[in-house]
């Protein structure tokens, strides 16, 4: 019985010593091995490793890409002395566990505080050199690239790599937004009024040109009509002259008949004339023939 107990205790002790002498590194982790508080090795490859129990200890760090977000947007000032609210995030990872441990004692919260301070300093410097339009749309990509390069360069000494600094949203404070919208509205109204003025001037010009063309067309048509009429009158005069030359008496009679027809076109027409008037010549001669 005592032998069985001894074997069992020895077995359990062996298991405990083995457990205390080994550790496993996951593919998502780095491991730093310490001996009495001093770093003796860094394990970056996944697998099973050994250590000296009670003398050596291990601390693990995440080797994946981490994301740093802010709960509230930060306020920055542009070159126009205008406040903007910036919502951003940062992608970062640990690339040198030893430097990372020495710099922040492996505290992720302290590391994010240092990253945030570095990036915010860069944002403040870059926004201070640009206008609202530049930071909202014009040079946004350039700003993000500059911030990424600068933060990565400054934080490499901490064993941290900055993969990306992304400006998710850039807004104006409410009080600034209202003034900007009012200014934009006034500018749009000014442009609209200018366009209306230009349109009215163009319409007046078109109307004047149209009226001028109409007057020219009417004048040309009147000129042509008068020419045609003159040609017709000349032709008629020529015909009358030829007829008169052939038979003056008949021509005079025909002209008188035409005059009578035009003068007595309506039954109600009344003419007051001297009976001896030449206008009644053929009427008088017709009466004599009847008598």
Protein backbone atom coordinates (compact mmCIF):
# COMPACT_ATOMS: atom_id res chain seq x y z
CA UNK A 1 0.00 0.00 0.00
CA UNK A 2 2.81 2.36 0.90
CA UNK A 3 4.52 1.58 -2.42
CA UNK A 4 1.37 2.44 -4.35
CA UNK A 5 1.02 5.73 -2.47
CA UNK A 6 4.65 6.56 -3.08
CA UNK A 7 4.33 5.83 -6.79
CA UNK A 8 1.16 7.90 -7.06
CA UNK A 9 2.72 10.87 -5.24
CA UNK A 10 5.84 10.61 -7.35
CA UNK A 11 3.72 10.49 -10.48
CA UNK A 12 1.72 13.56 -9.49
CA UNK A 13 4.90 15.40 -8.52
CA UNK A 14 6.40 14.54 -11.87
CA UNK A 15 3.34 15.83 -13.67
CA UNK A 16 3.46 19.09 -11.68
CA UNK A 17 7.18 19.54 -12.36
CA UNK A 18 6.61 18.82 -16.06
CA UNK A 19 3.72 21.29 -16.18
CA UNK A 20 5.84 23.92 -14.48
CA UNK A 21 8.71 23.20 -16.87
CA UNK A 22 6.79 23.58 -20.14
CA UNK A 23 4.72 26.24 -21.81
CA UNK A 24 2.90 26.53 -25.14
CA UNK A 25 3.13 29.47 -27.52
CA UNK A 26 0.00 30.00 -29.62
CA UNK A 27 0.30 31.22 -33.22
CA UNK A 28 -1.47 34.44 -32.15
CA UNK A 29 1.08 35.21 -29.42
CA UNK A 30 4.64 36.13 -28.58
CA UNK A 31 6.26 34.82 -25.41
CA UNK A 32 9.04 36.41 -23.35
CA UNK A 33 10.94 34.15 -20.95
CA UNK A 34 12.25 35.85 -17.81
CA UNK A 35 14.83 34.53 -15.38
CA UNK A 36 14.67 36.32 -12.07
CA UNK A 37 13.13 39.35 -13.84
CA UNK A 38 15.64 39.44 -16.71
CA UNK A 39 14.67 38.68 -20.29
CA UNK A 40 16.57 35.60 -21.50
CA UNK A 41 14.65 34.65 -24.66
CA UNK A 42 11.74 35.58 -26.91
CA UNK A 43 9.58 32.93 -28.53
CA UNK A 44 7.84 34.05 -31.74
CA UNK A 45 7.15 30.67 -33.30
CA UNK A 46 4.20 28.58 -32.07
CA UNK A 47 5.00 25.31 -30.27
CA UNK A 48 5.92 23.67 -26.98
CA UNK A 49 8.86 25.07 -24.99
CA UNK A 50 10.67 24.30 -21.73
CA UNK A 51 11.69 26.50 -18.80
CA UNK A 52 13.27 26.11 -15.37
CA UNK A 53 10.53 25.86 -12.74
CA UNK A 54 10.41 28.50 -10.00
CA UNK A 55 13.31 30.38 -11.59
CA UNK A 56 11.95 31.24 -14.98
CA UNK A 57 8.55 32.67 -15.84
CA UNK A 58 6.79 33.52 -19.11
CA UNK A 59 4.67 36.49 -20.22
CA UNK A 60 2.56 36.45 -23.38
CA UNK A 61 1.75 39.29 -25.81
CA UNK A 62 -0.72 39.43 -28.67
CA UNK A 63 0.97 39.43 -32.11
CA UNK A 64 -2.21 40.16 -34.09
CA UNK A 65 -3.19 43.51 -35.65
CA UNK A 66 -4.94 45.57 -32.98
CA UNK A 67 -7.37 48.44 -33.41
CA UNK A 68 -7.37 51.60 -31.32
CA UNK A 69 -10.70 53.46 -31.36
CA UNK A 70 -11.82 56.57 -29.50
CA UNK A 71 -15.21 56.81 -27.88
CA UNK A 72 -15.58 60.50 -28.69
CA UNK A 73 -14.21 62.55 -31.61
CA UNK A 74 -11.23 64.79 -30.85
CA UNK A 75 -11.29 68.52 -31.55
CA UNK A 76 -8.57 70.14 -33.70
CA UNK A 77 -8.01 73.63 -35.12
CA UNK A 78 -7.40 74.30 -38.81
CA UNK A 79 -5.28 77.05 -40.36
CA UNK A 80 -8.48 79.15 -40.57
CA UNK A 81 -8.79 78.93 -36.77
CA UNK A 82 -11.88 76.77 -37.19
CA UNK A 83 -12.60 73.82 -34.92
CA UNK A 84 -13.21 70.40 -36.46
CA UNK A 85 -14.24 67.13 -34.82
CA UNK A 86 -12.19 64.17 -36.01
CA UNK A 87 -13.25 60.54 -35.57
CA UNK A 88 -10.35 58.23 -36.38
CA UNK A 89 -8.92 54.81 -35.64
CA UNK A 90 -5.45 53.24 -35.70
CA UNK A 91 -4.26 49.79 -36.75
CA UNK A 92 -1.15 48.67 -34.89
CA UNK A 93 0.77 45.58 -33.78
CA UNK A 94 3.68 44.53 -31.61
CA UNK A 95 6.76 43.68 -33.70
CA UNK A 96 9.46 43.67 -31.01
CA UNK A 97 8.20 42.17 -27.73
CA UNK A 98 11.38 43.06 -25.79
CA UNK A 99 11.23 46.77 -26.65
CA UNK A 100 7.48 46.75 -26.06
CA UNK A 101 7.94 45.27 -22.60
CA UNK A 102 10.74 47.64 -21.65
CA UNK A 103 8.78 50.71 -22.87
CA UNK A 104 5.35 50.06 -21.35
CA UNK A 105 5.93 47.00 -19.13
CA UNK A 106 3.66 45.05 -21.42
CA UNK A 107 0.67 47.21 -20.45
CA UNK A 108 -1.61 47.53 -23.51
CA UNK A 109 -3.54 50.44 -21.99
CA UNK A 110 -0.32 52.41 -21.52
CA UNK A 111 0.79 51.50 -25.05
CA UNK A 112 -2.49 52.79 -26.52
CA UNK A 113 -2.10 55.98 -24.50
CA UNK A 114 1.34 56.56 -26.05
CA UNK A 115 0.02 55.76 -29.55
CA UNK A 116 -2.93 58.09 -29.09
CA UNK A 117 -0.69 60.94 -27.92
CA UNK A 118 1.68 60.50 -30.88
CA UNK A 119 -1.10 60.40 -33.47
CA UNK A 120 -2.97 63.32 -31.92
CA UNK A 121 0.19 65.43 -32.00
CA UNK A 122 0.52 64.61 -35.68
CA UNK A 123 -3.13 65.43 -36.35
CA UNK A 124 -2.81 68.75 -34.57
CA UNK A 125 0.26 69.66 -36.64
CA UNK A 126 -1.23 68.60 -39.99
CA UNK A 127 -4.65 70.18 -39.40
CA UNK A 128 -2.99 73.41 -38.30
CA UNK A 129 -1.43 73.73 -41.76
CA UNK A 130 -4.63 73.12 -43.74
CA UNK A 131 -8.07 74.59 -44.34
CA UNK A 132 -11.39 72.90 -43.62
CA UNK A 133 -11.78 71.99 -47.29
CA UNK A 134 -8.34 70.37 -47.33
CA UNK A 135 -8.95 68.19 -44.29
CA UNK A 136 -12.48 67.21 -45.33
CA UNK A 137 -11.80 66.20 -48.92
CA UNK A 138 -8.89 67.84 -50.70
CA UNK A 139 -5.86 66.38 -48.87
CA UNK A 140 -7.44 63.75 -46.64
CA UNK A 141 -5.54 60.83 -48.15
CA UNK A 142 -2.25 62.68 -47.92
CA UNK A 143 -2.88 63.52 -44.25
CA UNK A 144 -3.56 59.85 -43.39
CA UNK A 145 -0.38 58.71 -45.14
CA UNK A 146 1.74 61.36 -43.39
CA UNK A 147 0.29 60.44 -39.98
CA UNK A 148 0.85 56.72 -40.58
CA UNK A 149 4.49 57.20 -41.59
CA UNK A 150 5.23 59.63 -38.76
CA UNK A 151 3.58 57.55 -36.02
CA UNK A 152 5.27 54.36 -37.25
CA UNK A 153 8.66 56.06 -37.26
CA UNK A 154 8.20 57.47 -33.75
CA UNK A 155 6.81 54.28 -32.18
CA UNK A 156 9.23 51.75 -33.64
CA UNK A 157 11.50 52.48 -30.67
CA UNK A 158 8.73 51.01 -28.50
CA UNK A 159 8.56 47.84 -30.59
CA UNK A 160 5.25 48.96 -32.13
CA UNK A 161 4.40 49.14 -35.82
CA UNK A 162 1.66 51.53 -37.00
CA UNK A 163 -0.03 49.97 -40.00
CA UNK A 164 -2.69 52.57 -40.71
CA UNK A 165 -4.14 55.81 -39.37
CA UNK A 166 -7.60 56.28 -40.80
CA UNK A 167 -9.76 59.41 -40.57
CA UNK A 168 -13.22 57.93 -40.38
CA UNK A 169 -15.11 61.20 -40.21
CA UNK A 170 -14.31 64.92 -40.08
CA UNK A 171 -17.19 67.12 -38.90
CA UNK A 172 -17.68 70.70 -37.90
CA UNK A 173 -19.00 71.58 -34.45
CA UNK A 174 -22.68 72.47 -34.44
CA UNK A 175 -22.11 76.21 -34.03
CA UNK A 176 -19.55 76.25 -36.84
CA UNK A 177 -21.73 74.10 -39.09
CA UNK A 178 -24.62 76.55 -38.83
CA UNK A 179 -22.44 79.51 -39.81
CA UNK A 180 -20.91 77.53 -42.69
CA UNK A 181 -24.35 76.49 -43.94
CA UNK A 182 -25.57 80.08 -43.75
CA UNK A 183 -22.54 81.27 -45.70
CA UNK A 184 -23.02 78.52 -48.27
CA UNK A 185 -26.68 79.45 -48.59
CA UNK A 186 -25.80 83.12 -49.10
CA UNK A 187 -23.18 82.17 -51.71
CA UNK A 188 -25.67 79.94 -53.54
CA UNK A 189 -28.26 82.72 -53.51
CA UNK A 190 -25.69 85.14 -54.89
CA UNK A 191 -24.79 82.70 -57.66
CA UNK A 192 -28.49 82.10 -58.38
CA UNK A 193 -29.17 85.83 -58.60
CA UNK A 194 -26.19 86.29 -60.91
CA UNK A 195 -27.41 83.46 -63.13
CA UNK A 196 -30.90 84.96 -63.21
CA UNK A 197 -29.44 88.33 -64.16
CA UNK A 198 -27.37 86.75 -66.91
CA UNK A 199 -30.40 84.82 -68.12
CA UNK A 200 -32.55 87.95 -68.17
CA UNK A 201 -29.85 89.86 -70.11
CA UNK A 202 -29.53 86.96 -72.57
CA UNK A 203 -33.32 86.81 -73.01
CA UNK A 204 -33.48 90.55 -73.64
CA UNK A 205 -30.71 90.26 -76.22
CA UNK A 206 -32.47 87.37 -77.94
CA UNK A 207 -35.77 89.26 -77.89
CA UNK A 208 -34.11 92.38 -79.33
CA UNK A 209 -32.42 90.34 -82.05
CA UNK A 210 -35.72 88.65 -82.89
CA UNK A 211 -37.54 91.97 -83.09
CA UNK A 212 -34.77 93.38 -85.26
CA UNK A 213 -34.95 90.39 -87.59
CA UNK A 214 -38.74 90.72 -87.71
CA UNK A 215 -38.49 94.41 -88.64
CA UNK A 216 -35.92 93.59 -91.31
CA UNK A 217 -38.11 90.81 -92.73
CA UNK A 218 -41.20 93.04 -92.71
CA UNK A 219 -39.26 95.87 -94.35
CA UNK A 220 -37.89 93.54 -97.02
CA UNK A 221 -41.36 92.08 -97.59
CA UNK A 222 -42.90 95.57 -97.83
CA UNK A 223 -40.14 96.61 -100.22
CA UNK A 224 -40.77 93.56 -102.38
CA UNK A 225 -44.53 94.12 -102.23
CA UNK A 226 -44.16 97.72 -103.28
CA UNK A 227 -41.89 96.66 -106.10
CA UNK A 228 -44.41 94.07 -107.29
CA UNK A 229 -47.21 96.59 -106.94
CA UNK A 230 -45.23 99.18 -108.88
CA UNK A 231 -44.50 96.65 -111.59
CA UNK A 232 -48.21 95.79 -111.71
CA UNK A 233 -49.26 99.45 -111.83
CA UNK A 234 -46.73 100.06 -114.61
CA UNK A 235 -48.06 97.07 -116.53
CA UNK A 236 -51.64 98.22 -115.98
CA UNK A 237 -50.77 101.75 -117.10
CA UNK A 238 -49.15 100.28 -120.19
CA UNK A 239 -52.26 98.24 -120.94
CA UNK A 240 -54.49 101.26 -120.34
CA UNK A 241 -52.32 103.39 -122.57
CA UNK A 242 -52.44 100.82 -125.38
CA UNK A 243 -56.20 100.53 -125.03
CA UNK A 244 -56.58 104.30 -125.05
CA UNK A 245 -54.44 104.59 -128.12
CA UNK A 246 -56.59 102.09 -130.01
CA UNK A 247 -60.00 103.57 -129.06
CA UNK A 248 -59.95 106.65 -126.82
CA UNK A 249 -63.76 106.93 -126.77
CA UNK A 250 -64.29 103.33 -125.70
CA UNK A 251 -61.54 103.62 -123.09
CA UNK A 252 -63.16 106.73 -121.61
CA UNK A 253 -66.53 104.95 -121.60
CA UNK A 254 -65.07 101.87 -119.91
CA UNK A 255 -63.35 103.95 -117.25
CA UNK A 256 -66.59 105.82 -116.56
CA UNK A 257 -68.53 102.57 -116.20
CA UNK A 258 -65.93 101.29 -113.73
CA UNK A 259 -66.21 104.54 -111.79
CA UNK A 260 -70.03 104.23 -111.72
CA UNK A 261 -69.76 100.67 -110.41
CA UNK A 262 -67.45 101.71 -107.61
CA UNK A 263 -69.47 104.80 -106.75
CA UNK A 264 -72.83 103.04 -106.59
CA UNK A 265 -71.63 99.84 -105.00
CA UNK A 266 -74.31 100.01 -102.30
CA UNK A 267 -77.95 100.92 -102.82
CA UNK A 268 -77.75 103.36 -99.96
CA UNK A 269 -74.89 105.31 -101.56
CA UNK A 270 -75.81 108.92 -102.44
CA UNK A 271 -73.77 111.36 -104.56
CA UNK A 272 -74.52 115.07 -104.80
CA UNK A 273 -73.19 116.30 -108.17
CA UNK A 274 -73.84 119.02 -110.70
CA UNK A 275 -75.95 117.56 -113.55
CA UNK A 276 -73.49 119.06 -116.00
CA UNK A 277 -70.52 117.32 -114.37
CA UNK A 278 -68.26 115.28 -116.61
CA UNK A 279 -68.76 112.37 -114.24
CA UNK A 280 -72.36 112.07 -115.53
CA UNK A 281 -71.44 112.48 -119.16
CA UNK A 282 -72.35 108.98 -120.29
CA UNK A 283 -75.50 108.95 -118.20
CA UNK A 284 -76.68 112.06 -119.93
CA UNK A 285 -75.85 110.64 -123.36
CA UNK A 286 -77.71 107.43 -122.49
CA UNK A 287 -80.79 109.46 -121.52
CA UNK A 288 -80.70 111.39 -124.80
CA UNK A 289 -80.64 108.15 -126.78
CA UNK A 290 -83.70 106.92 -124.91
CA UNK A 291 -85.51 110.15 -125.61
